Amino acid sequence: MRRDRTHRSARTTRAVNSEIATAARQLQLDRVELFCECGRATCAERVVVVLAEFDRVSADVGRFVLDDHRRKADLLLAREDGYALVSPAP
């Protein structure tokens, strides 16, 4: 139940981040400030991400962008300057 809520919250945050990324592309930005996609309802952390990296990660619905200090990731895919790219355990 809690895991489902966390996944729903992460998907909602992903939708918001996708809208932000769309606006950033229209402004021809290379980097964008996004919300942490950890799925915690109380998380308001933000991360600055290379837009091309976000596009790559968001193409897979099972991968997320997290603030590097937010939580221990189930499966760390990459650690960048200030954020981590993760895929949660099934």
C-alpha atoms as a PDB file:
ATOM      1  CA  MET A   1       0.000   0.000   0.000  1.00  0.00           C
ATOM      2  CA  ARG A   2       2.684   2.518   1.030  1.00  0.00           C
ATOM      3  CA  ARG A   3       4.862   1.470  -1.897  1.00  0.00           C
ATOM      4  CA  ASP A   4       1.931   2.076  -4.277  1.00  0.00           C
ATOM      5  CA  ARG A   5       1.422   5.552  -2.819  1.00  0.00           C
ATOM      6  CA  THR A   6       5.127   6.285  -3.226  1.00  0.00           C
ATOM      7  CA  HIS A   7       5.063   5.146  -6.858  1.00  0.00           C
ATOM      8  CA  ARG A   8       1.958   7.265  -7.586  1.00  0.00           C
ATOM      9  CA  SER A   9       3.614  10.290  -6.016  1.00  0.00           C
ATOM     10  CA  ALA A  10       6.792   9.711  -8.043  1.00  0.00           C
ATOM     11  CA  ARG A  11       4.745   9.458 -11.257  1.00  0.00           C
ATOM     12  CA  THR A  12       2.937  12.705 -10.412  1.00  0.00           C
ATOM     13  CA  THR A  13       6.250  14.439  -9.816  1.00  0.00           C
ATOM     14  CA  ARG A  14       7.535  12.994 -13.109  1.00  0.00           C
ATOM     15  CA  ALA A  15       4.560  14.560 -14.916  1.00  0.00           C
ATOM     16  CA  VAL A  16       5.344  17.958 -13.378  1.00  0.00           C
ATOM     17  CA  ASN A  17       9.045  17.583 -14.211  1.00  0.00           C
ATOM     18  CA  SER A  18       8.170  16.660 -17.794  1.00  0.00           C
ATOM     19  CA  GLU A  19       6.200  19.904 -18.145  1.00  0.00           C
ATOM     20  CA  ILE A  20       9.147  21.860 -16.724  1.00  0.00           C
ATOM     21  CA  ALA A  21      11.480  20.070 -19.155  1.00  0.00           C
ATOM     22  CA  THR A  22       9.193  20.949 -22.075  1.00  0.00           C
ATOM     23  CA  ALA A  23       9.365  24.633 -21.128  1.00  0.00           C
ATOM     24  CA  ALA A  24      13.158  24.388 -20.749  1.00  0.00           C
ATOM     25  CA  ARG A  25      13.460  22.916 -24.254  1.00  0.00           C
ATOM     26  CA  GLN A  26      11.403  25.792 -25.655  1.00  0.00           C
ATOM     27  CA  LEU A  27      13.830  28.190 -23.960  1.00  0.00           C
ATOM     28  CA  GLN A  28      16.746  26.158 -25.348  1.00  0.00           C
ATOM     29  CA  LEU A  29      18.229  25.519 -21.894  1.00  0.00           C
ATOM     30  CA  ASP A  30      20.865  22.834 -21.298  1.00  0.00           C
ATOM     31  CA  ARG A  31      20.131  22.385 -17.582  1.00  0.00           C
ATOM     32  CA  VAL A  32      16.872  22.499 -15.701  1.00  0.00           C
ATOM     33  CA  GLU A  33      15.837  22.604 -12.038  1.00  0.00           C
ATOM     34  CA  LEU A  34      13.434  19.745 -11.308  1.00  0.00           C
ATOM     35  CA  PHE A  35      11.698  18.265  -8.286  1.00  0.00           C
ATOM     36  CA  CYS A  36      13.140  15.178  -6.626  1.00  0.00           C
ATOM     37  CA  GLU A  37      11.240  12.103  -7.836  1.00  0.00           C
ATOM     38  CA  CYS A  38      11.739  10.063  -4.646  1.00  0.00           C
ATOM     39  CA  GLY A  39       7.981   9.682  -4.229  1.00  0.00           C
ATOM     40  CA  ARG A  40       7.788  11.029  -0.683  1.00  0.00           C
ATOM     41  CA  ALA A  41       4.782  13.311  -0.409  1.00  0.00           C
ATOM     42  CA  THR A  42       6.677  15.683   1.893  1.00  0.00           C
ATOM     43  CA  CYS A  43       9.815  15.986  -0.259  1.00  0.00           C
ATOM     44  CA  ALA A  44      10.347  19.423  -1.760  1.00  0.00           C
ATOM     45  CA  GLU A  45      14.006  18.977  -2.740  1.00  0.00           C
ATOM     46  CA  ARG A  46      15.072  20.205  -6.141  1.00  0.00           C
ATOM     47  CA  VAL A  47      17.848  19.044  -8.402  1.00  0.00           C
ATOM     48  CA  VAL A  48      19.589  20.704 -11.323  1.00  0.00           C
ATOM     49  CA  VAL A  49      19.782  18.171 -14.131  1.00  0.00           C
ATOM     50  CA  VAL A  50      21.242  18.206 -17.627  1.00  0.00           C
ATOM     51  CA  LEU A  51      18.127  18.234 -19.793  1.00  0.00           C
ATOM     52  CA  ALA A  52      19.426  15.508 -22.131  1.00  0.00           C
ATOM     53  CA  GLU A  53      20.026  13.282 -19.086  1.00  0.00           C
ATOM     54  CA  PHE A  54      16.472  13.830 -17.850  1.00  0.00           C
ATOM     55  CA  ASP A  55      15.156  12.947 -21.301  1.00  0.00           C
ATOM     56  CA  ARG A  56      17.154   9.709 -21.265  1.00  0.00           C
ATOM     57  CA  VAL A  57      15.987   8.742 -17.766  1.00  0.00           C
ATOM     58  CA  SER A  58      12.354   9.740 -18.269  1.00  0.00           C
ATOM     59  CA  ALA A  59      12.112   7.561 -21.382  1.00  0.00           C
ATOM     60  CA  ASP A  60      12.006   4.608 -18.952  1.00  0.00           C
ATOM     61  CA  VAL A  61       9.027   4.827 -16.556  1.00  0.00           C
ATOM     62  CA  GLY A  62      10.977   2.769 -14.004  1.00  0.00           C
ATOM     63  CA  ARG A  63      13.842   5.253 -13.634  1.00  0.00           C
ATOM     64  CA  PHE A  64      13.840   8.423 -11.569  1.00  0.00           C
ATOM     65  CA  VAL A  65      15.885  11.514 -10.751  1.00  0.00           C
ATOM     66  CA  LEU A  66      16.500  11.951  -7.013  1.00  0.00           C
ATOM     67  CA  ASP A  67      18.238  14.488  -4.880  1.00  0.00           C
ATOM     68  CA  ASP A  68      21.547  12.768  -4.125  1.00  0.00           C
ATOM     69  CA  HIS A  69      21.034  13.048  -0.365  1.00  0.00           C
ATOM     70  CA  ARG A  70      17.339  12.110  -0.164  1.00  0.00           C
ATOM     71  CA  ARG A  71      17.366   8.349   0.246  1.00  0.00           C
ATOM     72  CA  LYS A  72      19.334   5.257  -0.464  1.00  0.00           C
ATOM     73  CA  ALA A  73      18.382   4.078  -3.938  1.00  0.00           C
ATOM     74  CA  ASP A  74      17.331   0.514  -4.615  1.00  0.00           C
ATOM     75  CA  LEU A  75      19.433   0.346  -7.781  1.00  0.00           C
ATOM     76  CA  LEU A  76      21.810   3.218  -8.453  1.00  0.00           C
ATOM     77  CA  LEU A  77      22.236   3.728 -12.193  1.00  0.00           C
ATOM     78  CA  ALA A  78      24.452   6.810 -12.046  1.00  0.00           C
ATOM     79  CA  ARG A  79      25.498   9.521  -9.647  1.00  0.00           C
ATOM     80  CA  GLU A  80      25.932  12.985 -11.086  1.00  0.00           C
ATOM     81  CA  ASP A  81      26.802  16.311  -9.501  1.00  0.00           C
ATOM     82  CA  GLY A  82      24.060  16.734  -6.903  1.00  0.00           C
ATOM     83  CA  TYR A  83      21.618  14.070  -8.067  1.00  0.00           C
ATOM     84  CA  ALA A  84      21.285  10.335  -8.615  1.00  0.00           C
ATOM     85  CA  LEU A  85      19.557   8.337 -11.336  1.00  0.00           C
ATOM     86  CA  VAL A  86      17.851   5.256  -9.930  1.00  0.00           C
ATOM     87  CA  SER A  87      15.590   2.359 -10.700  1.00  0.00           C
ATOM     88  CA  PRO A  88      13.583   1.121  -7.693  1.00  0.00           C
ATOM     89  CA  ALA A  89      13.562  -2.576  -6.844  1.00  0.00           C
ATOM     90  CA  PRO A  90      10.425  -4.337  -8.136  1.00  0.00           C
END
